[in-house]
């Protein structure tokens, strides 16, 4: 399903959905501490989402069993919350969350360190991934091509160092369905790919590793990790394409 131009009512719903999503992620980031389980975090996300009037976009999507994806250290995306996954100080945790409001979905992610880290490379990884997200968003406008967004993301990452960019993991259109076309890779060439137009909503989500761009699927059938065990960061915003830029919905 290709993402489409949204109606005024759908745009209002997307704005509300994005505000809820951002607030839930902020609340989770404030409470995350060592010795918590990832399931405890997921339950907090579910409770906060209900309190704010949204519905979970991930729960049940293609069989996913919870409201949020929580990925630790070498896990890039789609980690399943579990009572057996206990967070430790210094862990790098990706929080990937989706919200449905009045039939319209938004998708967003942040990566946070549990407590503090003594590893400068982790801070640089987080900063680089956030910079690349900002670079991708800065290219968005009416009649932009997907390749322009992708190229901006890749250039920002390459400028900061020798990082891995997993090729199979991409951003996407979003709206009435979670994963709509077109895919929005985190690498590419300017003046290539499908055209996008104002009124569409897309999810831009760079995923960056300290090592390889190769990935592996873990035994749970969902969690995607780096093939070499290197740590990864993930940041994501859903944006509305406007005449001259992008309105970030999930902040």
Protein backbone atom coordinates (compact mmCIF):
# COMPACT_ATOMS: atom_id res chain seq x y z
CA UNK A 1 0.00 0.00 0.00
CA UNK A 2 1.47 3.35 -1.07
CA UNK A 3 1.20 6.21 1.36
CA UNK A 4 -1.22 8.88 0.19
CA UNK A 5 -1.96 12.54 0.70
CA UNK A 6 -3.90 12.93 3.93
CA UNK A 7 -7.12 14.85 4.42
CA UNK A 8 -7.34 17.73 6.89
CA UNK A 9 -9.05 15.45 9.42
CA UNK A 10 -6.37 12.78 9.01
CA UNK A 11 -3.61 15.35 9.48
CA UNK A 12 -5.20 16.49 12.72
CA UNK A 13 -5.35 12.87 13.88
CA UNK A 14 -1.69 12.36 12.90
CA UNK A 15 -0.70 15.40 14.95
CA UNK A 16 -2.57 14.07 17.99
CA UNK A 17 -1.09 10.61 17.50
CA UNK A 18 2.42 12.02 17.25
CA UNK A 19 2.04 14.15 20.38
CA UNK A 20 0.92 11.10 22.35
CA UNK A 21 3.81 9.02 21.02
CA UNK A 22 6.41 11.62 21.92
CA UNK A 23 5.03 12.04 25.42
CA UNK A 24 5.05 8.29 26.10
CA UNK A 25 8.69 8.01 24.97
CA UNK A 26 9.65 10.97 27.16
CA UNK A 27 7.99 9.35 30.18
CA UNK A 28 9.70 6.01 29.59
CA UNK A 29 13.10 7.67 29.14
CA UNK A 30 12.65 9.41 32.50
CA UNK A 31 11.99 6.22 34.46
CA UNK A 32 14.41 3.76 32.84
CA UNK A 33 16.93 2.53 35.43
CA UNK A 34 19.23 -0.44 36.02
CA UNK A 35 17.55 -3.65 37.23
CA UNK A 36 14.28 -2.89 35.44
CA UNK A 37 13.05 -5.51 32.99
CA UNK A 38 12.10 -4.60 29.46
CA UNK A 39 8.61 -5.95 30.16
CA UNK A 40 8.23 -3.48 33.01
CA UNK A 41 9.05 -0.67 30.58
CA UNK A 42 6.53 -2.02 28.08
CA UNK A 43 3.82 -2.14 30.73
CA UNK A 44 4.54 1.49 31.63
CA UNK A 45 4.26 2.42 27.95
CA UNK A 46 0.89 0.65 27.70
CA UNK A 47 -0.42 2.38 30.83
CA UNK A 48 0.71 5.84 29.69
CA UNK A 49 -0.72 5.27 26.22
CA UNK A 50 -4.13 4.42 27.66
CA UNK A 51 -4.03 7.46 29.93
CA UNK A 52 -3.32 9.74 26.96
CA UNK A 53 -6.13 8.28 24.83
CA UNK A 54 -4.14 6.47 22.16
CA UNK A 55 -4.09 2.89 20.95
CA UNK A 56 -1.04 0.68 20.31
CA UNK A 57 0.06 0.44 16.69
CA UNK A 58 2.51 -2.43 17.22
CA UNK A 59 0.50 -4.84 19.37
CA UNK A 60 -0.67 -7.65 17.09
CA UNK A 61 0.93 -6.16 13.97
CA UNK A 62 1.97 -9.22 11.98
CA UNK A 63 1.87 -11.06 15.30
CA UNK A 64 4.11 -8.77 17.38
CA UNK A 65 3.26 -9.52 21.04
CA UNK A 66 3.61 -6.14 22.80
CA UNK A 67 3.03 -2.40 22.49
CA UNK A 68 6.68 -1.37 22.09
CA UNK A 69 9.94 -2.73 20.67
CA UNK A 70 12.84 -2.60 23.14
CA UNK A 71 16.27 -3.46 21.74
CA UNK A 72 19.46 -3.66 23.80
CA UNK A 73 23.09 -3.02 22.78
CA UNK A 74 23.74 -5.11 19.62
CA UNK A 75 20.00 -5.42 18.93
CA UNK A 76 18.99 -2.91 16.27
CA UNK A 77 15.19 -3.17 16.14
CA UNK A 78 12.11 -5.25 17.01
CA UNK A 79 13.25 -6.50 20.43
CA UNK A 80 10.40 -8.21 22.30
CA UNK A 81 9.87 -7.02 25.91
CA UNK A 82 10.54 -9.76 28.45
CA UNK A 83 10.64 -10.27 32.21
CA UNK A 84 13.92 -12.10 31.63
CA UNK A 85 15.67 -9.09 30.04
CA UNK A 86 17.10 -7.09 32.93
CA UNK A 87 18.69 -3.74 32.15
CA UNK A 88 22.18 -2.96 33.37
CA UNK A 89 23.90 0.37 33.86
CA UNK A 90 25.55 1.48 30.64
CA UNK A 91 23.24 -0.52 28.37
CA UNK A 92 22.21 1.18 25.14
CA UNK A 93 18.46 0.75 24.72
CA UNK A 94 16.37 1.44 21.63
CA UNK A 95 12.73 2.33 22.28
CA UNK A 96 10.60 2.03 19.14
CA UNK A 97 6.92 2.90 19.59
CA UNK A 98 3.80 3.30 17.48
CA UNK A 99 0.48 4.99 18.21
CA UNK A 100 -2.91 4.82 16.54
CA UNK A 101 -5.36 7.68 17.00
CA UNK A 102 -8.64 8.05 15.10
CA UNK A 103 -7.42 5.45 12.62
CA UNK A 104 -4.11 7.22 11.83
CA UNK A 105 -0.71 5.86 12.86
CA UNK A 106 2.61 7.41 13.79
CA UNK A 107 5.95 5.73 14.48
CA UNK A 108 8.92 7.01 16.45
CA UNK A 109 12.07 5.83 18.20
CA UNK A 110 14.81 7.03 20.53
CA UNK A 111 17.94 5.37 21.90
CA UNK A 112 19.03 6.01 25.48
CA UNK A 113 21.79 4.91 27.81
CA UNK A 114 20.72 3.31 31.10
CA UNK A 115 22.35 5.52 33.71
CA UNK A 116 25.70 6.70 32.35
CA UNK A 117 28.27 5.34 29.93
CA UNK A 118 32.05 5.66 30.16
CA UNK A 119 32.40 4.89 26.43
CA UNK A 120 32.84 8.00 24.27
CA UNK A 121 32.10 5.87 21.19
CA UNK A 122 28.54 5.31 22.42
CA UNK A 123 27.93 9.03 22.88
CA UNK A 124 29.33 9.65 19.40
CA UNK A 125 27.12 6.91 17.96
CA UNK A 126 24.03 8.50 19.50
CA UNK A 127 25.00 11.97 18.29
CA UNK A 128 25.75 10.70 14.78
CA UNK A 129 22.43 8.89 14.48
CA UNK A 130 20.49 11.94 15.67
CA UNK A 131 22.42 14.18 13.27
CA UNK A 132 21.60 11.89 10.36
CA UNK A 133 17.90 11.94 11.24
CA UNK A 134 17.97 15.74 11.29
CA UNK A 135 19.79 15.77 7.93
CA UNK A 136 17.16 13.54 6.35
CA UNK A 137 14.31 15.62 7.70
CA UNK A 138 15.97 18.83 6.48
CA UNK A 139 15.71 17.64 2.86
CA UNK A 140 11.96 16.98 3.02
CA UNK A 141 9.68 19.25 1.00
CA UNK A 142 6.93 19.02 -1.61
CA UNK A 143 8.15 17.03 -4.64
CA UNK A 144 11.24 15.66 -2.90
CA UNK A 145 12.56 12.30 -4.08
CA UNK A 146 13.24 9.46 -1.67
CA UNK A 147 16.85 9.27 -2.85
CA UNK A 148 17.46 12.85 -1.71
CA UNK A 149 16.40 11.97 1.83
CA UNK A 150 18.43 8.76 1.81
CA UNK A 151 21.55 10.44 0.44
CA UNK A 152 21.40 13.16 3.10
CA UNK A 153 21.17 10.56 5.87
CA UNK A 154 24.09 8.56 4.50
CA UNK A 155 26.26 11.62 3.97
CA UNK A 156 25.73 12.76 7.57
CA UNK A 157 26.72 9.32 8.88
CA UNK A 158 29.77 8.93 6.63
CA UNK A 159 31.00 12.39 7.59
CA UNK A 160 31.20 11.36 11.25
CA UNK A 161 33.17 8.12 10.87
CA UNK A 162 33.22 4.51 9.75
CA UNK A 163 29.79 3.32 10.82
CA UNK A 164 27.59 0.48 9.62
CA UNK A 165 24.30 1.24 7.88
CA UNK A 166 22.16 -1.93 7.69
CA UNK A 167 20.75 -2.01 4.18
CA UNK A 168 17.70 -4.13 4.90
CA UNK A 169 16.34 -1.77 7.58
CA UNK A 170 14.55 1.29 6.23
CA UNK A 171 12.07 4.04 6.90
CA UNK A 172 8.67 3.99 5.23
CA UNK A 173 5.43 5.68 4.43
CA UNK A 174 2.81 5.62 7.18
CA UNK A 175 -0.81 6.56 7.67
CA UNK A 176 -3.71 4.13 7.84
CA UNK A 177 -1.20 1.24 7.83
CA UNK A 178 2.07 0.98 9.74
CA UNK A 179 4.44 0.06 6.91
CA UNK A 180 3.36 1.77 3.72
CA UNK A 181 5.33 2.32 0.53
CA UNK A 182 7.70 3.76 -0.38
CA UNK A 183 10.63 2.42 1.60
CA UNK A 184 13.05 5.14 2.68
CA UNK A 185 16.57 3.67 2.96
CA UNK A 186 19.32 5.24 5.04
CA UNK A 187 21.66 5.25 2.05
CA UNK A 188 21.16 6.30 -1.56
CA UNK A 189 21.71 8.71 -4.42
CA UNK A 190 20.32 12.15 -5.01
CA UNK A 191 17.71 12.54 -7.76
CA UNK A 192 16.59 8.92 -7.51
CA UNK A 193 13.62 7.01 -6.17
CA UNK A 194 9.90 7.80 -5.94
CA UNK A 195 8.58 11.34 -5.68
CA UNK A 196 6.84 12.48 -2.50
CA UNK A 197 4.35 15.31 -2.17
CA UNK A 198 2.90 17.60 0.46
CA UNK A 199 0.25 16.05 2.65
CA UNK A 200 1.97 12.65 2.82
CA UNK A 201 3.30 11.33 6.12
CA UNK A 202 6.53 9.33 6.26
CA UNK A 203 8.68 7.72 8.95
CA UNK A 204 12.39 8.50 8.68
CA UNK A 205 14.53 6.22 10.84
CA UNK A 206 18.30 5.93 10.60
CA UNK A 207 19.78 2.85 12.26
CA UNK A 208 23.55 3.01 12.71
CA UNK A 209 26.06 0.49 14.09
CA UNK A 210 29.57 0.71 15.48
CA UNK A 211 30.64 -2.10 13.17
CA UNK A 212 29.11 -4.05 10.34
CA UNK A 213 26.11 -3.32 8.18
CA UNK A 214 25.27 -7.04 8.26
CA UNK A 215 22.38 -8.23 10.40
CA UNK A 216 21.06 -11.44 11.91
CA UNK A 217 17.59 -12.50 13.06
CA UNK A 218 17.50 -13.88 16.60
CA UNK A 219 15.69 -17.06 17.58
CA UNK A 220 12.51 -15.26 18.68
CA UNK A 221 11.80 -14.53 15.02
CA UNK A 222 11.56 -10.77 15.58
CA UNK A 223 14.67 -9.25 17.09
CA UNK A 224 17.22 -8.04 14.53
CA UNK A 225 20.80 -7.69 15.78
CA UNK A 226 24.17 -6.85 14.26
CA UNK A 227 25.99 -9.84 12.79
CA UNK A 228 29.25 -8.94 14.54
CA UNK A 229 27.85 -8.01 17.96
CA UNK A 230 28.59 -4.30 17.57
CA UNK A 231 26.22 -1.91 19.30
CA UNK A 232 23.57 0.05 17.41
CA UNK A 233 21.46 3.20 17.76
CA UNK A 234 18.06 4.04 16.28
CA UNK A 235 16.18 7.34 16.08
CA UNK A 236 12.93 7.93 14.21
CA UNK A 237 10.36 10.63 13.55
CA UNK A 238 7.11 10.63 11.63
CA UNK A 239 6.90 13.80 9.57
CA UNK A 240 4.23 15.53 7.51
CA UNK A 241 5.48 16.81 4.16
CA UNK A 242 4.63 20.48 3.65
CA UNK A 243 5.15 22.98 0.81
CA UNK A 244 8.68 23.86 1.82
CA UNK A 245 9.71 21.38 4.49
CA UNK A 246 8.62 18.90 7.09
CA UNK A 247 6.45 19.16 10.17
CA UNK A 248 7.79 16.75 12.77
CA UNK A 249 4.78 15.05 14.33
CA UNK A 250 6.54 12.94 16.96
CA UNK A 251 8.29 15.52 19.10
